[in-house]
Amino acid sequence: MSAILESIQSFTGSTERLVEIQESVNSITRQLTDKHDMKILDWLSPERGRMRHHEVRSRRTPGTGKWVLNTSFFQDWINPESPQRFLWLVGAPGCGKSTLLSLVIDELKLSHTGIAYYYCDYRVQSTNPLTLILGSLLRLFVEQQLGGLPQSLRDLFETSNNESRPPSPSEIESIMRTLTASLPRCFILVDAIDEFSVEDTRQTAQLTRLLDTLAEGGVYVFVTSRTAPTPSLKSSHLVIQHTADEADIKSYVAHTLQDDDSMIDILDTQLQRHISEAIVQHAKGM
């Protein structure tokens, strides 16, 4: 009997050792896979949209911008029963479009997944702007998927001979269409689209047409710019004409004065109110 028990214990110990070895192999495999996946993502887009988003969000004055969430335009756009899928926010330079977009992004993140965004900047120009923005958008979509990288993206990386050539806009677009079609709801938000490709407006028109097509397919698209959409959109869309909100300006001024110790010590409440009203009047819907 003791010999049998010893054999069982020996077998059990060997089994446990095999399990430990298998777990170690699985761990190494996961690490190698994660490393390879990160290599694919960096090849797809070195652009890390989250960093720019955090930068814009950090400049947002607490409590401001909420008005945009309460507009009938936004409510129609976010309503799954509404046909409106393209929301375009138009406003003059400096009126806070980027800040509003950051607020919308954060609001969507509270109850949705499948959110991709990009902040265009005229100071950041590329020889392949479409590849840059589409790659960045797709990367954000992919990073939110629990199932890991789509096989189509892995295949594209392999056929590119492992980074020897960048993906083309059409290749990225194809994967994005398939991915967004598989999600219950997904959102694309682009800030300052008129700064997307300053030197080649055809690139901007091409991007606009692509976003329009995605909106027709059910993707929720939110875009900001200084001017109205060009070319005209085919999808059912809404346009918000934005001017700086008076309540937001007052909140910003009050917050700025309260954060400045040297100012708060010499300005009484009445003088602060006069300063706030003067700035609002001077802004005149900037």
C-alpha atoms as a PDB file:
ATOM      1  CA  MET A   1       0.000   0.000   0.000  1.00  0.00           C
ATOM      2  CA  SER A   2       2.816   2.396   0.921  1.00  0.00           C
ATOM      3  CA  ALA A   3       4.448   1.745  -2.430  1.00  0.00           C
ATOM      4  CA  ILE A   4       1.223   2.652  -4.192  1.00  0.00           C
ATOM      5  CA  LEU A   5       0.913   5.852  -2.147  1.00  0.00           C
ATOM      6  CA  GLU A   6       4.487   6.786  -2.966  1.00  0.00           C
ATOM      7  CA  SER A   7       3.791   6.236  -6.659  1.00  0.00           C
ATOM      8  CA  ILE A   8       0.671   8.400  -6.476  1.00  0.00           C
ATOM      9  CA  GLN A   9       2.545  11.152  -4.620  1.00  0.00           C
ATOM     10  CA  SER A  10       5.361  10.960  -7.127  1.00  0.00           C
ATOM     11  CA  PHE A  11       2.895  11.171 -10.001  1.00  0.00           C
ATOM     12  CA  THR A  12       1.052  14.060  -8.338  1.00  0.00           C
ATOM     13  CA  GLY A  13       4.320  15.898  -7.820  1.00  0.00           C
ATOM     14  CA  SER A  14       5.253  15.359 -11.459  1.00  0.00           C
ATOM     15  CA  THR A  15       1.847  16.598 -12.569  1.00  0.00           C
ATOM     16  CA  GLU A  16       2.165  19.728 -10.454  1.00  0.00           C
ATOM     17  CA  ARG A  17       5.621  20.301 -11.893  1.00  0.00           C
ATOM     18  CA  LEU A  18       4.251  19.910 -15.398  1.00  0.00           C
ATOM     19  CA  VAL A  19       1.526  22.442 -14.585  1.00  0.00           C
ATOM     20  CA  GLU A  20       4.168  24.879 -13.306  1.00  0.00           C
ATOM     21  CA  ILE A  21       6.223  24.395 -16.452  1.00  0.00           C
ATOM     22  CA  GLN A  22       3.163  24.904 -18.650  1.00  0.00           C
ATOM     23  CA  GLU A  23       2.253  28.079 -16.756  1.00  0.00           C
ATOM     24  CA  SER A  24       5.791  29.385 -17.234  1.00  0.00           C
ATOM     25  CA  VAL A  25       5.628  28.599 -20.942  1.00  0.00           C
ATOM     26  CA  ASN A  26       2.254  30.354 -21.189  1.00  0.00           C
ATOM     27  CA  SER A  27       3.646  33.391 -19.368  1.00  0.00           C
ATOM     28  CA  ILE A  28       6.636  33.608 -21.711  1.00  0.00           C
ATOM     29  CA  THR A  29       4.338  33.170 -24.707  1.00  0.00           C
ATOM     30  CA  ARG A  30       2.084  35.988 -23.473  1.00  0.00           C
ATOM     31  CA  GLN A  31       5.099  38.259 -22.974  1.00  0.00           C
ATOM     32  CA  LEU A  32       6.380  37.508 -26.466  1.00  0.00           C
ATOM     33  CA  THR A  33       2.898  38.023 -27.917  1.00  0.00           C
ATOM     34  CA  ASP A  34       2.459  41.300 -26.049  1.00  0.00           C
ATOM     35  CA  LYS A  35       5.853  42.487 -27.259  1.00  0.00           C
ATOM     36  CA  HIS A  36       5.025  41.527 -30.839  1.00  0.00           C
ATOM     37  CA  ASP A  37       1.592  43.152 -30.595  1.00  0.00           C
ATOM     38  CA  MET A  38       3.160  46.383 -29.341  1.00  0.00           C
ATOM     39  CA  LYS A  39       5.545  46.268 -32.279  1.00  0.00           C
ATOM     40  CA  ILE A  40       2.567  45.990 -34.632  1.00  0.00           C
ATOM     41  CA  LEU A  41       0.755  48.876 -32.914  1.00  0.00           C
ATOM     42  CA  ASP A  42       3.829  51.111 -33.090  1.00  0.00           C
ATOM     43  CA  TRP A  43       4.159  50.256 -36.777  1.00  0.00           C
ATOM     44  CA  LEU A  44       0.497  51.099 -37.298  1.00  0.00           C
ATOM     45  CA  SER A  45       0.846  54.449 -35.539  1.00  0.00           C
ATOM     46  CA  PRO A  46       3.494  55.961 -33.280  1.00  0.00           C
ATOM     47  CA  GLU A  47       0.899  58.624 -32.497  1.00  0.00           C
ATOM     48  CA  ARG A  48      -0.465  58.239 -28.983  1.00  0.00           C
ATOM     49  CA  GLY A  49      -3.742  60.158 -29.016  1.00  0.00           C
ATOM     50  CA  ARG A  50      -4.295  59.792 -25.301  1.00  0.00           C
ATOM     51  CA  MET A  51      -1.347  62.059 -24.466  1.00  0.00           C
ATOM     52  CA  ARG A  52      -2.790  64.966 -26.449  1.00  0.00           C
ATOM     53  CA  HIS A  53      -6.215  64.337 -24.934  1.00  0.00           C
ATOM     54  CA  HIS A  54      -4.836  64.504 -21.391  1.00  0.00           C
ATOM     55  CA  GLU A  55      -3.040  67.728 -22.278  1.00  0.00           C
ATOM     56  CA  VAL A  56      -6.229  69.395 -23.556  1.00  0.00           C
ATOM     57  CA  ARG A  57      -8.324  68.051 -20.688  1.00  0.00           C
ATOM     58  CA  SER A  58      -5.876  69.413 -18.103  1.00  0.00           C
ATOM     59  CA  ARG A  59      -6.602  72.943 -19.338  1.00  0.00           C
ATOM     60  CA  ARG A  60     -10.362  72.537 -18.942  1.00  0.00           C
ATOM     61  CA  THR A  61     -11.906  74.684 -16.230  1.00  0.00           C
ATOM     62  CA  PRO A  62     -14.086  72.540 -13.929  1.00  0.00           C
ATOM     63  CA  GLY A  63     -17.796  72.893 -14.633  1.00  0.00           C
ATOM     64  CA  THR A  64     -17.447  74.494 -18.066  1.00  0.00           C
ATOM     65  CA  GLY A  65     -18.677  73.151 -21.387  1.00  0.00           C
ATOM     66  CA  LYS A  66     -21.632  71.205 -20.013  1.00  0.00           C
ATOM     67  CA  TRP A  67     -23.995  73.226 -22.187  1.00  0.00           C
ATOM     68  CA  VAL A  68     -22.921  71.317 -25.304  1.00  0.00           C
ATOM     69  CA  LEU A  69     -24.094  68.037 -23.765  1.00  0.00           C
ATOM     70  CA  ASN A  70     -27.545  69.503 -23.182  1.00  0.00           C
ATOM     71  CA  THR A  71     -28.126  70.878 -26.675  1.00  0.00           C
ATOM     72  CA  SER A  72     -30.790  69.250 -28.817  1.00  0.00           C
ATOM     73  CA  PHE A  73     -28.072  68.697 -31.436  1.00  0.00           C
ATOM     74  CA  PHE A  74     -25.970  66.542 -29.120  1.00  0.00           C
ATOM     75  CA  GLN A  75     -28.988  64.714 -27.729  1.00  0.00           C
ATOM     76  CA  ASP A  76     -30.205  63.882 -31.250  1.00  0.00           C
ATOM     77  CA  TRP A  77     -26.731  62.709 -32.223  1.00  0.00           C
ATOM     78  CA  ILE A  78     -26.247  60.456 -29.198  1.00  0.00           C
ATOM     79  CA  ASN A  79     -29.755  58.966 -29.423  1.00  0.00           C
ATOM     80  CA  PRO A  80     -29.508  55.489 -31.026  1.00  0.00           C
ATOM     81  CA  GLU A  81     -33.050  55.898 -32.369  1.00  0.00           C
ATOM     82  CA  SER A  82     -32.080  59.048 -34.293  1.00  0.00           C
ATOM     83  CA  PRO A  83     -30.723  58.816 -37.863  1.00  0.00           C
ATOM     84  CA  GLN A  84     -28.237  61.637 -37.144  1.00  0.00           C
ATOM     85  CA  ARG A  85     -24.728  60.198 -37.013  1.00  0.00           C
ATOM     86  CA  PHE A  86     -22.522  63.160 -37.947  1.00  0.00           C
ATOM     87  CA  LEU A  87     -22.232  66.137 -35.590  1.00  0.00           C
ATOM     88  CA  TRP A  88     -20.127  69.089 -36.736  1.00  0.00           C
ATOM     89  CA  LEU A  89     -19.170  71.862 -34.307  1.00  0.00           C
ATOM     90  CA  VAL A  90     -18.192  75.131 -36.024  1.00  0.00           C
ATOM     91  CA  GLY A  91     -16.584  78.015 -34.147  1.00  0.00           C
ATOM     92  CA  ALA A  92     -14.057  80.829 -34.400  1.00  0.00           C
ATOM     93  CA  PRO A  93     -10.435  80.319 -33.312  1.00  0.00           C
ATOM     94  CA  GLY A  94     -10.079  80.479 -29.551  1.00  0.00           C
ATOM     95  CA  CYS A  95     -13.714  79.801 -28.656  1.00  0.00           C
ATOM     96  CA  GLY A  96     -12.868  76.500 -26.952  1.00  0.00           C
ATOM     97  CA  LYS A  97     -13.674  73.821 -29.537  1.00  0.00           C
ATOM     98  CA  SER A  98     -10.826  71.522 -28.459  1.00  0.00           C
ATOM     99  CA  THR A  99     -11.839  71.793 -24.821  1.00  0.00           C
ATOM    100  CA  LEU A 100     -15.445  70.956 -25.684  1.00  0.00           C
ATOM    101  CA  LEU A 101     -14.330  67.938 -27.689  1.00  0.00           C
ATOM    102  CA  SER A 102     -12.286  66.689 -24.728  1.00  0.00           C
ATOM    103  CA  LEU A 103     -15.392  67.021 -22.556  1.00  0.00           C
ATOM    104  CA  VAL A 104     -17.482  65.026 -25.036  1.00  0.00           C
ATOM    105  CA  ILE A 105     -14.807  62.307 -25.148  1.00  0.00           C
ATOM    106  CA  ASP A 106     -14.782  61.994 -21.364  1.00  0.00           C
ATOM    107  CA  GLU A 107     -18.578  61.951 -21.263  1.00  0.00           C
ATOM    108  CA  LEU A 108     -18.731  59.132 -23.825  1.00  0.00           C
ATOM    109  CA  LYS A 109     -16.132  57.112 -21.927  1.00  0.00           C
ATOM    110  CA  LEU A 110     -18.447  56.961 -18.918  1.00  0.00           C
ATOM    111  CA  SER A 111     -20.884  54.634 -20.661  1.00  0.00           C
ATOM    112  CA  HIS A 112     -19.350  53.487 -23.940  1.00  0.00           C
ATOM    113  CA  THR A 113     -16.380  51.636 -25.371  1.00  0.00           C
ATOM    114  CA  GLY A 114     -15.173  51.837 -28.936  1.00  0.00           C
ATOM    115  CA  ILE A 115     -14.091  55.485 -28.845  1.00  0.00           C
ATOM    116  CA  ALA A 116     -11.323  56.854 -31.069  1.00  0.00           C
ATOM    117  CA  TYR A 117     -10.246  60.467 -31.376  1.00  0.00           C
ATOM    118  CA  TYR A 118      -7.616  62.701 -32.907  1.00  0.00           C
ATOM    119  CA  TYR A 119      -6.600  66.310 -32.301  1.00  0.00           C
ATOM    120  CA  CYS A 120      -5.341  67.865 -35.536  1.00  0.00           C
ATOM    121  CA  ASP A 121      -2.646  70.529 -35.208  1.00  0.00           C
ATOM    122  CA  TYR A 122      -1.317  72.721 -38.021  1.00  0.00           C
ATOM    123  CA  ARG A 123       2.098  72.597 -36.305  1.00  0.00           C
ATOM    124  CA  VAL A 124       2.249  68.826 -36.781  1.00  0.00           C
ATOM    125  CA  GLN A 125       2.333  68.139 -40.504  1.00  0.00           C
ATOM    126  CA  SER A 126       3.096  64.827 -42.186  1.00  0.00           C
ATOM    127  CA  THR A 127       3.928  63.662 -45.688  1.00  0.00           C
ATOM    128  CA  ASN A 128       1.256  60.973 -45.202  1.00  0.00           C
ATOM    129  CA  PRO A 129      -1.440  62.683 -43.093  1.00  0.00           C
ATOM    130  CA  LEU A 130      -4.170  60.157 -43.893  1.00  0.00           C
ATOM    131  CA  THR A 131      -1.972  57.272 -42.801  1.00  0.00           C
ATOM    132  CA  LEU A 132      -1.128  59.172 -39.619  1.00  0.00           C
ATOM    133  CA  ILE A 133      -4.691  59.929 -38.532  1.00  0.00           C
ATOM    134  CA  LEU A 134      -6.294  56.654 -39.646  1.00  0.00           C
ATOM    135  CA  GLY A 135      -3.502  54.670 -38.004  1.00  0.00           C
ATOM    136  CA  SER A 136      -3.960  56.600 -34.771  1.00  0.00           C
ATOM    137  CA  LEU A 137      -7.745  56.097 -34.799  1.00  0.00           C
ATOM    138  CA  LEU A 138      -7.461  52.383 -35.533  1.00  0.00           C
ATOM    139  CA  ARG A 139      -4.851  51.963 -32.810  1.00  0.00           C
ATOM    140  CA  LEU A 140      -7.201  53.456 -30.222  1.00  0.00           C
ATOM    141  CA  PHE A 141     -10.016  51.171 -31.367  1.00  0.00           C
ATOM    142  CA  VAL A 142      -7.783  48.083 -31.238  1.00  0.00           C
ATOM    143  CA  GLU A 143      -6.369  48.882 -27.800  1.00  0.00           C
ATOM    144  CA  GLN A 144      -9.898  48.799 -26.351  1.00  0.00           C
ATOM    145  CA  GLN A 145     -10.711  45.333 -27.683  1.00  0.00           C
ATOM    146  CA  LEU A 146     -10.443  42.536 -25.132  1.00  0.00           C
ATOM    147  CA  GLY A 147      -9.834  39.976 -27.852  1.00  0.00           C
ATOM    148  CA  GLY A 148      -6.506  41.507 -28.818  1.00  0.00           C
ATOM    149  CA  LEU A 149      -5.336  42.519 -32.261  1.00  0.00           C
ATOM    150  CA  PRO A 150      -7.552  41.638 -35.242  1.00  0.00           C
ATOM    151  CA  GLN A 151      -6.088  38.885 -37.377  1.00  0.00           C
ATOM    152  CA  SER A 152      -6.427  41.161 -40.399  1.00  0.00           C
ATOM    153  CA  LEU A 153      -4.005  43.617 -38.768  1.00  0.00           C
ATOM    154  CA  ARG A 154      -1.536  40.840 -37.987  1.00  0.00           C
ATOM    155  CA  ASP A 155      -1.751  39.631 -41.574  1.00  0.00           C
ATOM    156  CA  LEU A 156      -1.186  43.150 -42.891  1.00  0.00           C
ATOM    157  CA  PHE A 157       1.902  43.487 -40.721  1.00  0.00           C
ATOM    158  CA  GLU A 158       3.293  40.207 -42.020  1.00  0.00           C
ATOM    159  CA  THR A 159       2.666  41.096 -45.662  1.00  0.00           C
ATOM    160  CA  SER A 160       4.478  44.383 -45.115  1.00  0.00           C
ATOM    161  CA  ASN A 161       7.598  42.322 -44.465  1.00  0.00           C
ATOM    162  CA  ASN A 162       7.709  43.350 -40.818  1.00  0.00           C
ATOM    163  CA  GLU A 163       7.848  47.131 -40.935  1.00  0.00           C
ATOM    164  CA  SER A 164       9.586  47.454 -44.301  1.00  0.00           C
ATOM    165  CA  ARG A 165       6.697  49.602 -45.535  1.00  0.00           C
ATOM    166  CA  PRO A 166       3.983  51.589 -43.734  1.00  0.00           C
ATOM    167  CA  PRO A 167       0.323  50.626 -44.124  1.00  0.00           C
ATOM    168  CA  SER A 168      -1.609  52.505 -46.785  1.00  0.00           C
ATOM    169  CA  PRO A 169      -4.725  54.548 -45.954  1.00  0.00           C
ATOM    170  CA  SER A 170      -6.910  52.116 -47.892  1.00  0.00           C
ATOM    171  CA  GLU A 171      -5.527  49.130 -45.948  1.00  0.00           C
ATOM    172  CA  ILE A 172      -6.160  50.829 -42.607  1.00  0.00           C
ATOM    173  CA  GLU A 173      -9.611  51.929 -43.748  1.00  0.00           C
ATOM    174  CA  SER A 174     -10.535  48.365 -44.699  1.00  0.00           C
ATOM    175  CA  ILE A 175      -9.631  47.013 -41.256  1.00  0.00           C
ATOM    176  CA  MET A 176     -11.393  49.916 -39.557  1.00  0.00           C
ATOM    177  CA  ARG A 177     -14.609  49.307 -41.489  1.00  0.00           C
ATOM    178  CA  THR A 178     -14.624  45.644 -40.470  1.00  0.00           C
ATOM    179  CA  LEU A 179     -13.823  46.440 -36.849  1.00  0.00           C
ATOM    180  CA  THR A 180     -16.396  49.212 -36.426  1.00  0.00           C
ATOM    181  CA  ALA A 181     -19.065  47.062 -38.073  1.00  0.00           C
ATOM    182  CA  SER A 182     -18.506  44.405 -35.393  1.00  0.00           C
ATOM    183  CA  LEU A 183     -19.062  46.826 -32.494  1.00  0.00           C
ATOM    184  CA  PRO A 184     -22.537  47.678 -31.137  1.00  0.00           C
ATOM    185  CA  ARG A 185     -21.700  51.412 -31.041  1.00  0.00           C
ATOM    186  CA  CYS A 186     -18.498  53.210 -31.867  1.00  0.00           C
ATOM    187  CA  PHE A 187     -17.450  56.839 -31.965  1.00  0.00           C
ATOM    188  CA  ILE A 188     -14.867  58.825 -33.930  1.00  0.00           C
ATOM    189  CA  LEU A 189     -14.065  62.373 -32.817  1.00  0.00           C
ATOM    190  CA  VAL A 190     -11.733  64.671 -34.759  1.00  0.00           C
ATOM    191  CA  ASP A 191     -10.745  68.124 -33.553  1.00  0.00           C
ATOM    192  CA  ALA A 192      -9.759  70.970 -35.898  1.00  0.00           C
ATOM    193  CA  ILE A 193     -10.191  68.985 -39.095  1.00  0.00           C
ATOM    194  CA  ASP A 194      -9.387  72.148 -41.073  1.00  0.00           C
ATOM    195  CA  GLU A 195      -5.862  71.927 -39.614  1.00  0.00           C
ATOM    196  CA  PHE A 196      -5.489  68.313 -40.742  1.00  0.00           C
ATOM    197  CA  SER A 197      -3.539  69.042 -43.931  1.00  0.00           C
ATOM    198  CA  VAL A 198      -2.978  72.770 -44.333  1.00  0.00           C
ATOM    199  CA  GLU A 199      -0.917  72.508 -47.521  1.00  0.00           C
ATOM    200  CA  ASP A 200      -3.158  69.990 -49.297  1.00  0.00           C
ATOM    201  CA  THR A 201      -6.877  70.588 -48.842  1.00  0.00           C
ATOM    202  CA  ARG A 202      -7.597  67.527 -50.988  1.00  0.00           C
ATOM    203  CA  GLN A 203      -6.384  65.368 -48.094  1.00  0.00           C
ATOM    204  CA  THR A 204      -8.861  67.084 -45.780  1.00  0.00           C
ATOM    205  CA  ALA A 205     -11.667  66.568 -48.293  1.00  0.00           C
ATOM    206  CA  GLN A 206     -10.717  62.896 -48.582  1.00  0.00           C
ATOM    207  CA  LEU A 207     -10.783  62.473 -44.804  1.00  0.00           C
ATOM    208  CA  THR A 208     -14.155  64.234 -44.608  1.00  0.00           C
ATOM    209  CA  ARG A 209     -15.617  61.916 -47.247  1.00  0.00           C
ATOM    210  CA  LEU A 210     -14.308  58.869 -45.374  1.00  0.00           C
ATOM    211  CA  LEU A 211     -15.822  60.022 -42.081  1.00  0.00           C
ATOM    212  CA  ASP A 212     -19.060  60.762 -43.916  1.00  0.00           C
ATOM    213  CA  THR A 213     -19.113  57.230 -45.311  1.00  0.00           C
ATOM    214  CA  LEU A 214     -18.455  55.742 -41.877  1.00  0.00           C
ATOM    215  CA  ALA A 215     -21.323  57.827 -40.478  1.00  0.00           C
ATOM    216  CA  GLU A 216     -23.610  56.456 -43.190  1.00  0.00           C
ATOM    217  CA  GLY A 217     -22.588  53.000 -41.975  1.00  0.00           C
ATOM    218  CA  GLY A 218     -23.627  53.762 -38.396  1.00  0.00           C
ATOM    219  CA  VAL A 219     -20.455  55.160 -36.811  1.00  0.00           C
ATOM    220  CA  TYR A 220     -21.031  58.206 -34.595  1.00  0.00           C
ATOM    221  CA  VAL A 221     -18.785  61.003 -35.887  1.00  0.00           C
ATOM    222  CA  PHE A 222     -18.067  64.296 -34.095  1.00  0.00           C
ATOM    223  CA  VAL A 223     -15.887  66.896 -35.848  1.00  0.00           C
ATOM    224  CA  THR A 224     -14.846  70.464 -35.023  1.00  0.00           C
ATOM    225  CA  SER A 225     -13.543  73.181 -37.336  1.00  0.00           C
ATOM    226  CA  ARG A 226     -13.527  76.929 -37.908  1.00  0.00           C
ATOM    227  CA  THR A 227     -15.726  76.668 -41.003  1.00  0.00           C
ATOM    228  CA  ALA A 228     -18.752  74.678 -42.127  1.00  0.00           C
ATOM    229  CA  PRO A 229     -18.255  71.224 -43.665  1.00  0.00           C
ATOM    230  CA  THR A 230     -16.708  71.070 -47.127  1.00  0.00           C
ATOM    231  CA  PRO A 231     -17.445  69.090 -49.215  1.00  0.00           C
ATOM    232  CA  SER A 232     -21.128  68.734 -48.384  1.00  0.00           C
ATOM    233  CA  LEU A 233     -22.019  65.637 -46.393  1.00  0.00           C
ATOM    234  CA  LYS A 234     -24.171  62.799 -47.691  1.00  0.00           C
ATOM    235  CA  SER A 235     -24.965  61.365 -44.269  1.00  0.00           C
ATOM    236  CA  SER A 236     -27.720  62.747 -42.078  1.00  0.00           C
ATOM    237  CA  HIS A 237     -25.869  65.347 -40.035  1.00  0.00           C
ATOM    238  CA  LEU A 238     -26.164  68.250 -37.607  1.00  0.00           C
ATOM    239  CA  VAL A 239     -24.116  71.462 -37.399  1.00  0.00           C
ATOM    240  CA  ILE A 240     -23.639  73.473 -34.195  1.00  0.00           C
ATOM    241  CA  GLN A 241     -22.581  77.093 -34.632  1.00  0.00           C
ATOM    242  CA  HIS A 242     -20.545  77.669 -31.490  1.00  0.00           C
ATOM    243  CA  THR A 243     -19.570  80.901 -29.773  1.00  0.00           C
ATOM    244  CA  ALA A 244     -17.857  81.183 -26.426  1.00  0.00           C
ATOM    245  CA  ASP A 245     -20.453  80.518 -23.727  1.00  0.00           C
ATOM    246  CA  GLU A 246     -20.985  83.437 -21.323  1.00  0.00           C
ATOM    247  CA  ALA A 247     -21.317  81.181 -18.285  1.00  0.00           C
ATOM    248  CA  ASP A 248     -18.116  79.353 -19.264  1.00  0.00           C
ATOM    249  CA  ILE A 249     -16.213  82.636 -19.591  1.00  0.00           C
ATOM    250  CA  LYS A 250     -17.371  83.759 -16.149  1.00  0.00           C
ATOM    251  CA  SER A 251     -16.418  80.398 -14.636  1.00  0.00           C
ATOM    252  CA  TYR A 252     -13.010  80.545 -16.287  1.00  0.00           C
ATOM    253  CA  VAL A 253     -12.320  84.101 -15.065  1.00  0.00           C
ATOM    254  CA  ALA A 254     -13.472  83.281 -11.530  1.00  0.00           C
ATOM    255  CA  HIS A 255     -11.375  80.115 -11.460  1.00  0.00           C
ATOM    256  CA  THR A 256      -8.304  81.978 -12.758  1.00  0.00           C
ATOM    257  CA  LEU A 257      -8.623  84.790 -10.215  1.00  0.00           C
ATOM    258  CA  GLN A 258      -9.157  82.382  -7.334  1.00  0.00           C
ATOM    259  CA  ASP A 259      -6.074  80.396  -8.312  1.00  0.00           C
ATOM    260  CA  ASP A 260      -3.909  83.530  -8.304  1.00  0.00           C
ATOM    261  CA  ASP A 261      -3.030  84.343  -4.689  1.00  0.00           C
ATOM    262  CA  SER A 262      -1.655  87.755  -5.587  1.00  0.00           C
ATOM    263  CA  MET A 263      -4.924  88.716  -7.294  1.00  0.00           C
ATOM    264  CA  ILE A 264      -7.353  87.272  -4.789  1.00  0.00           C
ATOM    265  CA  ASP A 265      -5.750  89.326  -2.009  1.00  0.00           C
ATOM    266  CA  ILE A 266      -6.291  92.676  -3.729  1.00  0.00           C
ATOM    267  CA  LEU A 267      -9.592  92.111  -5.542  1.00  0.00           C
ATOM    268  CA  ASP A 268     -12.859  92.131  -3.667  1.00  0.00           C
ATOM    269  CA  THR A 269     -15.921  90.238  -4.893  1.00  0.00           C
ATOM    270  CA  GLN A 270     -17.457  93.244  -6.619  1.00  0.00           C
ATOM    271  CA  LEU A 271     -14.279  94.063  -8.539  1.00  0.00           C
ATOM    272  CA  GLN A 272     -13.920  90.431  -9.602  1.00  0.00           C
ATOM    273  CA  ARG A 273     -17.476  90.563 -10.944  1.00  0.00           C
ATOM    274  CA  HIS A 274     -16.711  93.761 -12.883  1.00  0.00           C
ATOM    275  CA  ILE A 275     -13.611  92.145 -14.417  1.00  0.00           C
ATOM    276  CA  SER A 276     -15.620  89.071 -15.398  1.00  0.00           C
ATOM    277  CA  GLU A 277     -18.383  91.136 -17.021  1.00  0.00           C
ATOM    278  CA  ALA A 278     -15.856  93.276 -18.899  1.00  0.00           C
ATOM    279  CA  ILE A 279     -14.137  90.198 -20.327  1.00  0.00           C
ATOM    280  CA  VAL A 280     -17.477  88.692 -21.359  1.00  0.00           C
ATOM    281  CA  GLN A 281     -18.422  91.922 -23.106  1.00  0.00           C
ATOM    282  CA  HIS A 282     -15.056  92.117 -24.853  1.00  0.00           C
ATOM    283  CA  ALA A 283     -15.266  88.494 -26.011  1.00  0.00           C
ATOM    284  CA  LYS A 284     -18.495  89.169 -27.935  1.00  0.00           C
ATOM    285  CA  GLY A 285     -18.970  85.542 -28.861  1.00  0.00           C
ATOM    286  CA  MET A 286     -15.355  84.960 -29.848  1.00  0.00           C
END
